[in-house]
Amino acid sequence: MDGAFSLLRSFIILLIPVAASACSVSEARIQPRAVEAGVPADPKHPVAVVDEPFNYARVRLGTTVSLRIHAPDRDRAERAAKAAFERIDVLESILSDYRTESELSRLRLVPAGSPVRVGDELLAAISRGRLLSKRTGGAFDLTVGPLSSLWRESFRRERLPSDDAVADAAARVGWSFVHVDAARSTVLFDLEGMRLDLGAFGKGWIADAALAVLVENGCPASLVEIGGDMAIGAPPPGRTGWSVGVALDASEPSRTVVLSHCGVATSGDAEQFLEMEGVRYSHLFDPRTGWALTVRRAASVVAVDAATADALASAVCVLGPVAGRALLAEWPGARLLAVDMQ
């Protein structure tokens, strides 16, 4: 969700053709990087005609949201795309930490020790975020709001925060200090000044929700990309999957993989860092210590869905190469696509 603070944090590139009549007047055409949507399911018996996807793009969540939809016809694709964008708009209005009127932002006003009732959408996102935080040992943490604000301001001023400021913000961070009561639909904070920030998995979460809408509208062979995070559905017709180029920075893809029924995300600091007195401070920080990383790290992860991939990519960067790989080894369906760590 952190559009301004996490610019260019992902460099997953989808390699697809452009359908000649895919875009309606209100959507911008997506430019392809190559001319194939996958590989033939059987190279000895290639499909004679492979339907090209209908492509749509709009600006949402401070970034570009792209939909690639295989559908029987344009009308079906446009109905599905409209429903998916509407779903994205609803979730952004609930989960954004940039919108002061969002339901998530209103939780900042809740005093510690007081359970507050929340809607089903926010409850589900917080529950999932808390679970991911627990399973990553806090390397991903949904309660990093105080640290996000501190480092965002430091980057804007081009000045490091003081030790005391970092310690104060870090003292209000910790997934175990937020409690979810699913039966009562309530959330409770143990500490004053806690603040949720779903940015490290929010785009993936919303991409998964948008893909679910496309499937519900009869378009299972679809892909949703939000700022580089991808929710990937069934393979395109006659193909084994979607061809995805992987790069950890803005360069050309270093490799191509064919994927379906999964999520992909990349986390890294190729474009977002602050250099002070010869030390490079990343926009990525360790939720457990509060301090920005001072080593260059980037990781691209594939997992069962985009929300999981999003959180794991962030966690791997925080943990480093050894502990990061160990984390993924314990996570069914997750693996590294690319990694660059000092």
C-alpha atoms as a PDB file:
ATOM      1  CA  MET A   1       0.000   0.000   0.000  1.00  0.00           C
ATOM      2  CA  ASP A   2       3.026   2.235   0.476  1.00  0.00           C
ATOM      3  CA  GLY A   3       3.123   3.731  -2.995  1.00  0.00           C
ATOM      4  CA  ALA A   4       5.357   6.741  -2.280  1.00  0.00           C
ATOM      5  CA  PHE A   5       7.789   4.938   0.035  1.00  0.00           C
ATOM      6  CA  SER A   6       8.243   1.773  -1.974  1.00  0.00           C
ATOM      7  CA  LEU A   7       8.682   3.043  -5.518  1.00  0.00           C
ATOM      8  CA  LEU A   8      10.110   0.491  -7.939  1.00  0.00           C
ATOM      9  CA  ARG A   9      10.392  -2.149  -5.224  1.00  0.00           C
ATOM     10  CA  SER A  10       9.486  -4.848  -7.708  1.00  0.00           C
ATOM     11  CA  PHE A  11      10.843  -5.709 -11.104  1.00  0.00           C
ATOM     12  CA  ILE A  12       8.893  -8.755 -12.204  1.00  0.00           C
ATOM     13  CA  ILE A  13       8.137  -8.416 -15.914  1.00  0.00           C
ATOM     14  CA  LEU A  14       5.362 -10.265 -17.672  1.00  0.00           C
ATOM     15  CA  LEU A  15       6.119 -11.312 -21.224  1.00  0.00           C
ATOM     16  CA  ILE A  16       2.871 -11.237 -23.196  1.00  0.00           C
ATOM     17  CA  PRO A  17       1.428 -10.194 -26.535  1.00  0.00           C
ATOM     18  CA  VAL A  18      -1.029  -7.326 -26.852  1.00  0.00           C
ATOM     19  CA  ALA A  19      -4.510  -8.093 -28.116  1.00  0.00           C
ATOM     20  CA  ALA A  20      -5.374  -5.713 -30.927  1.00  0.00           C
ATOM     21  CA  SER A  21      -8.812  -4.848 -29.585  1.00  0.00           C
ATOM     22  CA  ALA A  22      -8.330  -5.432 -25.880  1.00  0.00           C
ATOM     23  CA  CYS A  23      -8.579  -1.981 -24.346  1.00  0.00           C
ATOM     24  CA  SER A  24     -11.636   0.148 -23.972  1.00  0.00           C
ATOM     25  CA  VAL A  25     -11.387   3.931 -24.101  1.00  0.00           C
ATOM     26  CA  SER A  26     -10.905   4.288 -20.327  1.00  0.00           C
ATOM     27  CA  GLU A  27      -7.962   1.897 -20.088  1.00  0.00           C
ATOM     28  CA  ALA A  28      -4.365   2.480 -21.130  1.00  0.00           C
ATOM     29  CA  ARG A  29      -2.737  -0.091 -23.367  1.00  0.00           C
ATOM     30  CA  ILE A  30      -0.010  -2.190 -21.759  1.00  0.00           C
ATOM     31  CA  GLN A  31       3.245  -2.344 -23.661  1.00  0.00           C
ATOM     32  CA  PRO A  32       4.689  -5.843 -24.024  1.00  0.00           C
ATOM     33  CA  ARG A  33       8.312  -6.783 -23.438  1.00  0.00           C
ATOM     34  CA  ALA A  34       8.199  -9.892 -25.666  1.00  0.00           C
ATOM     35  CA  VAL A  35       5.803 -11.759 -27.864  1.00  0.00           C
ATOM     36  CA  GLU A  36       4.783 -14.923 -26.100  1.00  0.00           C
ATOM     37  CA  ALA A  37       2.427 -15.796 -23.275  1.00  0.00           C
ATOM     38  CA  GLY A  38       4.024 -19.059 -22.276  1.00  0.00           C
ATOM     39  CA  VAL A  39       5.209 -22.211 -23.980  1.00  0.00           C
ATOM     40  CA  PRO A  40       3.156 -24.788 -25.870  1.00  0.00           C
ATOM     41  CA  ALA A  41       1.670 -27.456 -23.623  1.00  0.00           C
ATOM     42  CA  ASP A  42       3.094 -30.060 -25.988  1.00  0.00           C
ATOM     43  CA  PRO A  43       5.938 -28.859 -28.244  1.00  0.00           C
ATOM     44  CA  LYS A  44       5.288 -31.739 -30.642  1.00  0.00           C
ATOM     45  CA  HIS A  45       1.669 -30.696 -31.095  1.00  0.00           C
ATOM     46  CA  PRO A  46       1.537 -26.898 -30.785  1.00  0.00           C
ATOM     47  CA  VAL A  47      -1.824 -25.228 -30.510  1.00  0.00           C
ATOM     48  CA  ALA A  48      -2.845 -23.831 -33.911  1.00  0.00           C
ATOM     49  CA  VAL A  49      -4.465 -20.695 -32.474  1.00  0.00           C
ATOM     50  CA  VAL A  50      -3.726 -19.306 -29.007  1.00  0.00           C
ATOM     51  CA  ASP A  51      -6.149 -16.661 -27.775  1.00  0.00           C
ATOM     52  CA  GLU A  52      -4.402 -13.434 -26.849  1.00  0.00           C
ATOM     53  CA  PRO A  53      -5.254 -11.769 -23.538  1.00  0.00           C
ATOM     54  CA  PHE A  54      -7.338  -8.652 -23.166  1.00  0.00           C
ATOM     55  CA  ASN A  55      -5.159  -6.114 -21.321  1.00  0.00           C
ATOM     56  CA  TYR A  56      -6.232  -3.298 -19.015  1.00  0.00           C
ATOM     57  CA  ALA A  57      -4.290  -0.846 -16.845  1.00  0.00           C
ATOM     58  CA  ARG A  58      -5.296   1.812 -14.368  1.00  0.00           C
ATOM     59  CA  VAL A  59      -3.524   3.787 -11.652  1.00  0.00           C
ATOM     60  CA  ARG A  60      -4.466   2.539  -8.214  1.00  0.00           C
ATOM     61  CA  LEU A  61      -2.657   2.207  -4.879  1.00  0.00           C
ATOM     62  CA  GLY A  62      -0.075   4.750  -6.006  1.00  0.00           C
ATOM     63  CA  THR A  63       1.093   2.494  -8.824  1.00  0.00           C
ATOM     64  CA  THR A  64      -0.061   0.803 -12.008  1.00  0.00           C
ATOM     65  CA  VAL A  65      -2.572  -2.028 -11.753  1.00  0.00           C
ATOM     66  CA  SER A  66      -2.572  -4.286 -14.815  1.00  0.00           C
ATOM     67  CA  LEU A  67      -5.000  -7.042 -15.726  1.00  0.00           C
ATOM     68  CA  ARG A  68      -4.362  -9.703 -18.385  1.00  0.00           C
ATOM     69  CA  ILE A  69      -7.539 -11.619 -19.073  1.00  0.00           C
ATOM     70  CA  HIS A  70      -8.200 -14.569 -21.349  1.00  0.00           C
ATOM     71  CA  ALA A  71     -11.922 -14.594 -22.073  1.00  0.00           C
ATOM     72  CA  PRO A  72     -14.312 -15.939 -24.724  1.00  0.00           C
ATOM     73  CA  ASP A  73     -14.925 -12.414 -25.965  1.00  0.00           C
ATOM     74  CA  ARG A  74     -14.290  -8.760 -25.278  1.00  0.00           C
ATOM     75  CA  ASP A  75     -17.589  -8.191 -23.470  1.00  0.00           C
ATOM     76  CA  ARG A  76     -16.810 -10.921 -20.938  1.00  0.00           C
ATOM     77  CA  ALA A  77     -13.328  -9.546 -20.399  1.00  0.00           C
ATOM     78  CA  GLU A  78     -14.554  -5.999 -19.859  1.00  0.00           C
ATOM     79  CA  ARG A  79     -17.244  -7.071 -17.383  1.00  0.00           C
ATOM     80  CA  ALA A  80     -14.661  -9.056 -15.449  1.00  0.00           C
ATOM     81  CA  ALA A  81     -12.138  -6.200 -15.535  1.00  0.00           C
ATOM     82  CA  LYS A  82     -14.744  -3.706 -14.325  1.00  0.00           C
ATOM     83  CA  ALA A  83     -15.631  -5.963 -11.393  1.00  0.00           C
ATOM     84  CA  ALA A  84     -11.966  -6.497 -10.524  1.00  0.00           C
ATOM     85  CA  PHE A  85     -11.163  -2.777 -10.513  1.00  0.00           C
ATOM     86  CA  GLU A  86     -14.226  -2.131  -8.364  1.00  0.00           C
ATOM     87  CA  ARG A  87     -12.981  -4.728  -5.890  1.00  0.00           C
ATOM     88  CA  ILE A  88      -9.561  -3.076  -5.836  1.00  0.00           C
ATOM     89  CA  ASP A  89     -11.159   0.325  -5.159  1.00  0.00           C
ATOM     90  CA  VAL A  90     -13.138  -1.063  -2.225  1.00  0.00           C
ATOM     91  CA  LEU A  91     -10.096  -2.697  -0.648  1.00  0.00           C
ATOM     92  CA  GLU A  92      -7.943   0.385  -1.144  1.00  0.00           C
ATOM     93  CA  SER A  93     -10.557   2.507   0.636  1.00  0.00           C
ATOM     94  CA  ILE A  94     -10.382   0.110   3.594  1.00  0.00           C
ATOM     95  CA  LEU A  95      -6.697  -0.851   3.787  1.00  0.00           C
ATOM     96  CA  SER A  96      -4.781   2.265   2.701  1.00  0.00           C
ATOM     97  CA  ASP A  97      -2.601   3.902   5.355  1.00  0.00           C
ATOM     98  CA  TYR A  98      -2.335   7.013   3.160  1.00  0.00           C
ATOM     99  CA  ARG A  99      -6.060   7.738   3.272  1.00  0.00           C
ATOM    100  CA  THR A 100      -6.883   9.277   6.613  1.00  0.00           C
ATOM    101  CA  GLU A 101     -10.525   8.252   6.221  1.00  0.00           C
ATOM    102  CA  SER A 102      -9.766   4.565   5.609  1.00  0.00           C
ATOM    103  CA  GLU A 103     -10.858   2.015   8.171  1.00  0.00           C
ATOM    104  CA  LEU A 104      -7.231   1.031   8.733  1.00  0.00           C
ATOM    105  CA  SER A 105      -6.176   4.626   9.415  1.00  0.00           C
ATOM    106  CA  ARG A 106      -8.983   5.087  11.925  1.00  0.00           C
ATOM    107  CA  LEU A 107      -7.436   2.364  14.077  1.00  0.00           C
ATOM    108  CA  ARG A 108      -4.690   4.853  14.997  1.00  0.00           C
ATOM    109  CA  LEU A 109      -7.200   6.552  17.281  1.00  0.00           C
ATOM    110  CA  VAL A 110      -7.982   3.407  19.261  1.00  0.00           C
ATOM    111  CA  PRO A 111      -6.484   3.425  22.785  1.00  0.00           C
ATOM    112  CA  ALA A 112      -4.516   0.429  23.996  1.00  0.00           C
ATOM    113  CA  GLY A 113      -6.520  -2.256  25.766  1.00  0.00           C
ATOM    114  CA  SER A 114      -9.792  -1.311  24.080  1.00  0.00           C
ATOM    115  CA  PRO A 115     -11.171  -3.858  21.592  1.00  0.00           C
ATOM    116  CA  VAL A 116     -12.622  -2.202  18.509  1.00  0.00           C
ATOM    117  CA  ARG A 117     -14.996  -3.811  16.065  1.00  0.00           C
ATOM    118  CA  VAL A 118     -13.848  -3.845  12.435  1.00  0.00           C
ATOM    119  CA  GLY A 119     -15.387  -4.920   9.152  1.00  0.00           C
ATOM    120  CA  ASP A 120     -14.893  -8.343   7.635  1.00  0.00           C
ATOM    121  CA  GLU A 121     -12.439  -7.131   4.971  1.00  0.00           C
ATOM    122  CA  LEU A 122     -10.089  -5.454   7.441  1.00  0.00           C
ATOM    123  CA  LEU A 123     -10.416  -8.303   9.924  1.00  0.00           C
ATOM    124  CA  ALA A 124      -9.369 -10.821   7.278  1.00  0.00           C
ATOM    125  CA  ALA A 125      -6.364  -8.739   6.202  1.00  0.00           C
ATOM    126  CA  ILE A 126      -5.162  -8.166   9.770  1.00  0.00           C
ATOM    127  CA  SER A 127      -5.613 -11.847  10.630  1.00  0.00           C
ATOM    128  CA  ARG A 128      -3.564 -12.904   7.621  1.00  0.00           C
ATOM    129  CA  GLY A 129      -0.933 -10.251   8.272  1.00  0.00           C
ATOM    130  CA  ARG A 130      -0.573 -11.345  11.882  1.00  0.00           C
ATOM    131  CA  LEU A 131      -0.165 -14.979  10.845  1.00  0.00           C
ATOM    132  CA  LEU A 132       2.508 -14.072   8.291  1.00  0.00           C
ATOM    133  CA  SER A 133       4.265 -11.935  10.902  1.00  0.00           C
ATOM    134  CA  LYS A 134       4.289 -14.801  13.382  1.00  0.00           C
ATOM    135  CA  ARG A 135       5.533 -17.363  10.873  1.00  0.00           C
ATOM    136  CA  THR A 136       8.382 -15.122   9.705  1.00  0.00           C
ATOM    137  CA  GLY A 137       9.479 -14.457  13.284  1.00  0.00           C
ATOM    138  CA  GLY A 138       8.760 -10.764  12.887  1.00  0.00           C
ATOM    139  CA  ALA A 139      11.028 -10.279   9.865  1.00  0.00           C
ATOM    140  CA  PHE A 140       7.770  -9.224   8.260  1.00  0.00           C
ATOM    141  CA  ASP A 141       5.559  -7.382  10.748  1.00  0.00           C
ATOM    142  CA  LEU A 142       2.197  -5.760  10.120  1.00  0.00           C
ATOM    143  CA  THR A 143       2.655  -3.348  13.058  1.00  0.00           C
ATOM    144  CA  VAL A 144       5.598  -1.395  11.596  1.00  0.00           C
ATOM    145  CA  GLY A 145       3.558   1.789  11.141  1.00  0.00           C
ATOM    146  CA  PRO A 146       5.603   3.878  13.638  1.00  0.00           C
ATOM    147  CA  LEU A 147       8.854   2.836  11.940  1.00  0.00           C
ATOM    148  CA  SER A 148       7.464   3.383   8.445  1.00  0.00           C
ATOM    149  CA  SER A 149       6.513   6.948   9.336  1.00  0.00           C
ATOM    150  CA  LEU A 150       9.877   7.620  10.956  1.00  0.00           C
ATOM    151  CA  TRP A 151      11.987   6.369   8.056  1.00  0.00           C
ATOM    152  CA  ARG A 152       9.713   7.919   5.452  1.00  0.00           C
ATOM    153  CA  GLU A 153      10.270  11.303   7.061  1.00  0.00           C
ATOM    154  CA  SER A 154      14.012  10.667   7.380  1.00  0.00           C
ATOM    155  CA  PHE A 155      14.275   9.907   3.675  1.00  0.00           C
ATOM    156  CA  ARG A 156      12.282  13.026   2.846  1.00  0.00           C
ATOM    157  CA  ARG A 157      14.605  15.195   4.965  1.00  0.00           C
ATOM    158  CA  GLU A 158      17.708  13.227   3.930  1.00  0.00           C
ATOM    159  CA  ARG A 159      18.654  12.942   7.575  1.00  0.00           C
ATOM    160  CA  LEU A 160      19.007   9.854   9.754  1.00  0.00           C
ATOM    161  CA  PRO A 161      16.679   9.516  12.737  1.00  0.00           C
ATOM    162  CA  SER A 162      18.238   9.647  16.179  1.00  0.00           C
ATOM    163  CA  ASP A 163      18.852   6.515  18.207  1.00  0.00           C
ATOM    164  CA  ASP A 164      16.156   7.618  20.635  1.00  0.00           C
ATOM    165  CA  ALA A 165      13.639   8.156  17.843  1.00  0.00           C
ATOM    166  CA  VAL A 166      14.285   4.686  16.435  1.00  0.00           C
ATOM    167  CA  ALA A 167      14.072   3.120  19.888  1.00  0.00           C
ATOM    168  CA  ASP A 168      10.798   4.934  20.611  1.00  0.00           C
ATOM    169  CA  ALA A 169       9.205   3.820  17.340  1.00  0.00           C
ATOM    170  CA  ALA A 170      10.496   0.258  17.665  1.00  0.00           C
ATOM    171  CA  ALA A 171       9.030   0.015  21.172  1.00  0.00           C
ATOM    172  CA  ARG A 172       5.571   0.346  19.617  1.00  0.00           C
ATOM    173  CA  VAL A 173       6.133  -2.431  17.066  1.00  0.00           C
ATOM    174  CA  GLY A 174       5.456  -6.121  17.515  1.00  0.00           C
ATOM    175  CA  TRP A 175       2.900  -8.464  15.970  1.00  0.00           C
ATOM    176  CA  SER A 176       2.294 -10.225  19.287  1.00  0.00           C
ATOM    177  CA  PHE A 177       0.910  -6.972  20.742  1.00  0.00           C
ATOM    178  CA  VAL A 178      -2.088  -6.966  18.386  1.00  0.00           C
ATOM    179  CA  HIS A 179      -4.916  -9.412  18.999  1.00  0.00           C
ATOM    180  CA  VAL A 180      -7.730 -10.505  16.711  1.00  0.00           C
ATOM    181  CA  ASP A 181     -10.998 -11.955  17.986  1.00  0.00           C
ATOM    182  CA  ALA A 182     -12.621 -13.478  14.921  1.00  0.00           C
ATOM    183  CA  ALA A 183     -15.796 -14.442  16.787  1.00  0.00           C
ATOM    184  CA  ARG A 184     -16.406 -10.859  17.899  1.00  0.00           C
ATOM    185  CA  SER A 185     -14.786  -9.204  14.843  1.00  0.00           C
ATOM    186  CA  THR A 186     -12.559  -7.096  17.078  1.00  0.00           C
ATOM    187  CA  VAL A 187      -8.947  -5.948  17.134  1.00  0.00           C
ATOM    188  CA  LEU A 188      -7.072  -4.960  20.296  1.00  0.00           C
ATOM    189  CA  PHE A 189      -3.675  -3.301  20.773  1.00  0.00           C
ATOM    190  CA  ASP A 190      -1.576  -3.869  23.885  1.00  0.00           C
ATOM    191  CA  LEU A 191       0.564  -0.759  23.449  1.00  0.00           C
ATOM    192  CA  GLU A 192      -0.282   2.910  23.034  1.00  0.00           C
ATOM    193  CA  GLY A 193       0.704   4.407  19.718  1.00  0.00           C
ATOM    194  CA  MET A 194       0.677   1.185  17.731  1.00  0.00           C
ATOM    195  CA  ARG A 195      -0.037   1.566  14.037  1.00  0.00           C
ATOM    196  CA  LEU A 196      -0.643  -1.053  11.394  1.00  0.00           C
ATOM    197  CA  ASP A 197       1.041  -0.835   7.996  1.00  0.00           C
ATOM    198  CA  LEU A 198      -0.017  -3.485   5.507  1.00  0.00           C
ATOM    199  CA  GLY A 199       2.309  -2.178   2.804  1.00  0.00           C
ATOM    200  CA  ALA A 200       4.654  -5.156   2.806  1.00  0.00           C
ATOM    201  CA  PHE A 201       1.868  -7.509   1.782  1.00  0.00           C
ATOM    202  CA  GLY A 202      -1.102  -5.297   0.941  1.00  0.00           C
ATOM    203  CA  LYS A 203      -0.539  -5.126  -2.818  1.00  0.00           C
ATOM    204  CA  GLY A 204      -0.258  -8.892  -2.968  1.00  0.00           C
ATOM    205  CA  TRP A 205      -3.393  -9.280  -0.841  1.00  0.00           C
ATOM    206  CA  ILE A 206      -5.388  -7.011  -3.129  1.00  0.00           C
ATOM    207  CA  ALA A 207      -3.985  -8.674  -6.261  1.00  0.00           C
ATOM    208  CA  ASP A 208      -5.192 -12.041  -4.951  1.00  0.00           C
ATOM    209  CA  ALA A 209      -8.647 -10.585  -4.308  1.00  0.00           C
ATOM    210  CA  ALA A 210      -8.821  -9.095  -7.808  1.00  0.00           C
ATOM    211  CA  LEU A 211      -7.812 -12.409  -9.371  1.00  0.00           C
ATOM    212  CA  ALA A 212     -10.554 -14.151  -7.399  1.00  0.00           C
ATOM    213  CA  VAL A 213     -13.072 -11.736  -8.929  1.00  0.00           C
ATOM    214  CA  LEU A 214     -11.823 -12.511 -12.435  1.00  0.00           C
ATOM    215  CA  VAL A 215     -12.190 -16.231 -11.748  1.00  0.00           C
ATOM    216  CA  GLU A 216     -15.699 -15.707 -10.382  1.00  0.00           C
ATOM    217  CA  ASN A 217     -16.560 -13.893 -13.610  1.00  0.00           C
ATOM    218  CA  GLY A 218     -15.561 -16.854 -15.733  1.00  0.00           C
ATOM    219  CA  CYS A 219     -11.984 -15.823 -16.544  1.00  0.00           C
ATOM    220  CA  PRO A 220      -9.701 -18.205 -14.638  1.00  0.00           C
ATOM    221  CA  ALA A 221      -6.813 -17.798 -17.111  1.00  0.00           C
ATOM    222  CA  SER A 222      -5.944 -14.318 -15.905  1.00  0.00           C
ATOM    223  CA  LEU A 223      -3.145 -12.425 -14.215  1.00  0.00           C
ATOM    224  CA  VAL A 224      -3.215  -9.371 -11.952  1.00  0.00           C
ATOM    225  CA  GLU A 225      -0.114  -7.224 -11.455  1.00  0.00           C
ATOM    226  CA  ILE A 226       0.044  -4.420  -8.897  1.00  0.00           C
ATOM    227  CA  GLY A 227       3.312  -2.551  -8.785  1.00  0.00           C
ATOM    228  CA  GLY A 228       5.159  -5.697  -9.794  1.00  0.00           C
ATOM    229  CA  ASP A 229       3.405  -8.077  -7.396  1.00  0.00           C
ATOM    230  CA  MET A 230       1.585 -10.746  -9.395  1.00  0.00           C
ATOM    231  CA  ALA A 231      -1.389 -12.970  -8.684  1.00  0.00           C
ATOM    232  CA  ILE A 232      -1.255 -15.601 -11.418  1.00  0.00           C
ATOM    233  CA  GLY A 233      -4.232 -17.737 -12.362  1.00  0.00           C
ATOM    234  CA  ALA A 234      -4.683 -20.680 -14.700  1.00  0.00           C
ATOM    235  CA  PRO A 235      -2.442 -21.004 -17.780  1.00  0.00           C
ATOM    236  CA  PRO A 236      -3.451 -19.254 -20.996  1.00  0.00           C
ATOM    237  CA  PRO A 237      -5.202 -21.506 -23.533  1.00  0.00           C
ATOM    238  CA  GLY A 238      -2.875 -24.153 -24.912  1.00  0.00           C
ATOM    239  CA  ARG A 239      -0.016 -23.127 -22.642  1.00  0.00           C
ATOM    240  CA  THR A 240       1.608 -24.535 -19.524  1.00  0.00           C
ATOM    241  CA  GLY A 241       1.694 -21.139 -17.820  1.00  0.00           C
ATOM    242  CA  TRP A 242       2.474 -17.441 -18.029  1.00  0.00           C
ATOM    243  CA  SER A 243       5.997 -16.500 -19.081  1.00  0.00           C
ATOM    244  CA  VAL A 244       7.472 -14.157 -16.482  1.00  0.00           C
ATOM    245  CA  GLY A 245      10.803 -12.371 -16.785  1.00  0.00           C
ATOM    246  CA  VAL A 246      12.663 -11.917 -13.507  1.00  0.00           C
ATOM    247  CA  ALA A 247      14.959  -8.982 -12.721  1.00  0.00           C
ATOM    248  CA  LEU A 248      16.043  -7.580  -9.359  1.00  0.00           C
ATOM    249  CA  ASP A 249      16.520  -4.057 -10.678  1.00  0.00           C
ATOM    250  CA  ALA A 250      15.433  -1.992 -13.675  1.00  0.00           C
ATOM    251  CA  SER A 251      17.622  -3.952 -16.078  1.00  0.00           C
ATOM    252  CA  GLU A 252      16.446  -6.513 -18.600  1.00  0.00           C
ATOM    253  CA  PRO A 253      15.196  -9.815 -17.122  1.00  0.00           C
ATOM    254  CA  SER A 254      17.972 -12.199 -16.159  1.00  0.00           C
ATOM    255  CA  ARG A 255      15.791 -15.271 -16.576  1.00  0.00           C
ATOM    256  CA  THR A 256      12.307 -16.354 -17.574  1.00  0.00           C
ATOM    257  CA  VAL A 257      10.032 -18.764 -15.725  1.00  0.00           C
ATOM    258  CA  VAL A 258       6.654 -20.194 -16.668  1.00  0.00           C
ATOM    259  CA  LEU A 259       4.143 -20.050 -13.806  1.00  0.00           C
ATOM    260  CA  SER A 260       0.474 -20.612 -12.993  1.00  0.00           C
ATOM    261  CA  HIS A 261      -1.760 -20.752  -9.901  1.00  0.00           C
ATOM    262  CA  CYS A 262       0.663 -18.827  -7.687  1.00  0.00           C
ATOM    263  CA  GLY A 263       1.898 -15.418  -6.607  1.00  0.00           C
ATOM    264  CA  VAL A 264       5.185 -13.637  -7.292  1.00  0.00           C
ATOM    265  CA  ALA A 265       6.744 -10.629  -5.559  1.00  0.00           C
ATOM    266  CA  THR A 266      10.102  -8.876  -5.409  1.00  0.00           C
ATOM    267  CA  SER A 267      11.521  -6.783  -2.597  1.00  0.00           C
ATOM    268  CA  GLY A 268      14.698  -4.767  -2.894  1.00  0.00           C
ATOM    269  CA  ASP A 269      16.404  -1.414  -2.518  1.00  0.00           C
ATOM    270  CA  ALA A 270      17.866  -0.799  -5.960  1.00  0.00           C
ATOM    271  CA  GLU A 271      16.067   2.551  -6.262  1.00  0.00           C
ATOM    272  CA  GLN A 272      15.253   3.573  -2.686  1.00  0.00           C
ATOM    273  CA  PHE A 273      18.155   4.305  -0.349  1.00  0.00           C
ATOM    274  CA  LEU A 274      19.797   7.117   1.582  1.00  0.00           C
ATOM    275  CA  GLU A 275      23.582   7.545   1.673  1.00  0.00           C
ATOM    276  CA  MET A 276      25.027   9.280   4.725  1.00  0.00           C
ATOM    277  CA  GLU A 277      28.726   9.532   5.631  1.00  0.00           C
ATOM    278  CA  GLY A 278      29.602   6.710   3.288  1.00  0.00           C
ATOM    279  CA  VAL A 279      26.915   4.337   4.601  1.00  0.00           C
ATOM    280  CA  ARG A 280      24.050   3.225   2.360  1.00  0.00           C
ATOM    281  CA  TYR A 281      20.753   3.028   4.281  1.00  0.00           C
ATOM    282  CA  SER A 282      18.042   1.037   2.532  1.00  0.00           C
ATOM    283  CA  HIS A 283      14.359   1.939   2.580  1.00  0.00           C
ATOM    284  CA  LEU A 284      13.977  -1.627   3.882  1.00  0.00           C
ATOM    285  CA  PHE A 285      14.280  -1.855   7.651  1.00  0.00           C
ATOM    286  CA  ASP A 286      14.323  -4.644  10.211  1.00  0.00           C
ATOM    287  CA  PRO A 287      11.080  -4.515  12.234  1.00  0.00           C
ATOM    288  CA  ARG A 288      12.844  -6.246  15.117  1.00  0.00           C
ATOM    289  CA  THR A 289      15.532  -3.583  15.579  1.00  0.00           C
ATOM    290  CA  GLY A 290      13.950  -0.577  13.915  1.00  0.00           C
ATOM    291  CA  TRP A 291      17.028   0.206  11.831  1.00  0.00           C
ATOM    292  CA  ALA A 292      17.292   0.421   8.063  1.00  0.00           C
ATOM    293  CA  LEU A 293      19.387  -2.247   6.373  1.00  0.00           C
ATOM    294  CA  THR A 294      22.907  -1.128   5.490  1.00  0.00           C
ATOM    295  CA  VAL A 295      23.654  -3.967   3.075  1.00  0.00           C
ATOM    296  CA  ARG A 296      22.220  -4.275  -0.404  1.00  0.00           C
ATOM    297  CA  ARG A 297      19.554  -6.948  -0.657  1.00  0.00           C
ATOM    298  CA  ALA A 298      16.890  -7.985  -3.138  1.00  0.00           C
ATOM    299  CA  ALA A 299      14.825 -11.121  -3.477  1.00  0.00           C
ATOM    300  CA  SER A 300      12.139 -12.407  -5.803  1.00  0.00           C
ATOM    301  CA  VAL A 301       9.855 -15.069  -4.354  1.00  0.00           C
ATOM    302  CA  VAL A 302       7.122 -17.305  -5.725  1.00  0.00           C
ATOM    303  CA  ALA A 303       4.536 -18.673  -3.288  1.00  0.00           C
ATOM    304  CA  VAL A 304       1.009 -20.070  -3.181  1.00  0.00           C
ATOM    305  CA  ASP A 305      -0.458 -16.576  -3.543  1.00  0.00           C
ATOM    306  CA  ALA A 306       0.690 -13.001  -4.015  1.00  0.00           C
ATOM    307  CA  ALA A 307       0.136 -11.926  -0.397  1.00  0.00           C
ATOM    308  CA  THR A 308       2.385 -14.699   0.874  1.00  0.00           C
ATOM    309  CA  ALA A 309       5.026 -13.995  -1.771  1.00  0.00           C
ATOM    310  CA  ASP A 310       4.946 -10.294  -0.890  1.00  0.00           C
ATOM    311  CA  ALA A 311       5.516 -10.880   2.819  1.00  0.00           C
ATOM    312  CA  LEU A 312       8.166 -13.553   2.241  1.00  0.00           C
ATOM    313  CA  ALA A 313      10.153 -11.388  -0.177  1.00  0.00           C
ATOM    314  CA  SER A 314      10.340  -8.668   2.482  1.00  0.00           C
ATOM    315  CA  ALA A 315      11.245 -11.187   5.190  1.00  0.00           C
ATOM    316  CA  VAL A 316      14.012 -12.780   3.111  1.00  0.00           C
ATOM    317  CA  CYS A 317      15.634  -9.383   2.565  1.00  0.00           C
ATOM    318  CA  VAL A 318      15.568  -8.681   6.285  1.00  0.00           C
ATOM    319  CA  LEU A 319      16.835 -12.122   7.300  1.00  0.00           C
ATOM    320  CA  GLY A 320      19.635 -12.384   4.756  1.00  0.00           C
ATOM    321  CA  PRO A 321      20.678 -15.247   2.499  1.00  0.00           C
ATOM    322  CA  VAL A 322      21.101 -18.067   5.028  1.00  0.00           C
ATOM    323  CA  ALA A 323      18.136 -17.457   7.333  1.00  0.00           C
ATOM    324  CA  GLY A 324      16.019 -16.338   4.380  1.00  0.00           C
ATOM    325  CA  ARG A 325      16.530 -19.587   2.511  1.00  0.00           C
ATOM    326  CA  ALA A 326      15.878 -21.521   5.722  1.00  0.00           C
ATOM    327  CA  LEU A 327      12.564 -19.701   6.122  1.00  0.00           C
ATOM    328  CA  LEU A 328      11.449 -20.547   2.578  1.00  0.00           C
ATOM    329  CA  ALA A 329      12.485 -24.177   3.038  1.00  0.00           C
ATOM    330  CA  GLU A 330       9.873 -24.465   5.795  1.00  0.00           C
ATOM    331  CA  TRP A 331       7.159 -22.791   3.712  1.00  0.00           C
ATOM    332  CA  PRO A 332       5.247 -25.160   1.378  1.00  0.00           C
ATOM    333  CA  GLY A 333       5.089 -23.930  -2.191  1.00  0.00           C
ATOM    334  CA  ALA A 334       7.569 -21.079  -1.690  1.00  0.00           C
ATOM    335  CA  ARG A 335      10.924 -20.677  -3.418  1.00  0.00           C
ATOM    336  CA  LEU A 336      13.382 -18.049  -4.543  1.00  0.00           C
ATOM    337  CA  LEU A 337      13.305 -17.003  -8.164  1.00  0.00           C
ATOM    338  CA  ALA A 338      16.263 -14.640  -7.807  1.00  0.00           C
ATOM    339  CA  VAL A 339      18.336 -13.186  -5.025  1.00  0.00           C
ATOM    340  CA  ASP A 340      21.080 -10.572  -4.679  1.00  0.00           C
ATOM    341  CA  MET A 341      22.537 -10.124  -1.223  1.00  0.00           C
ATOM    342  CA  GLN A 342      25.777  -8.699   0.117  1.00  0.00           C
END
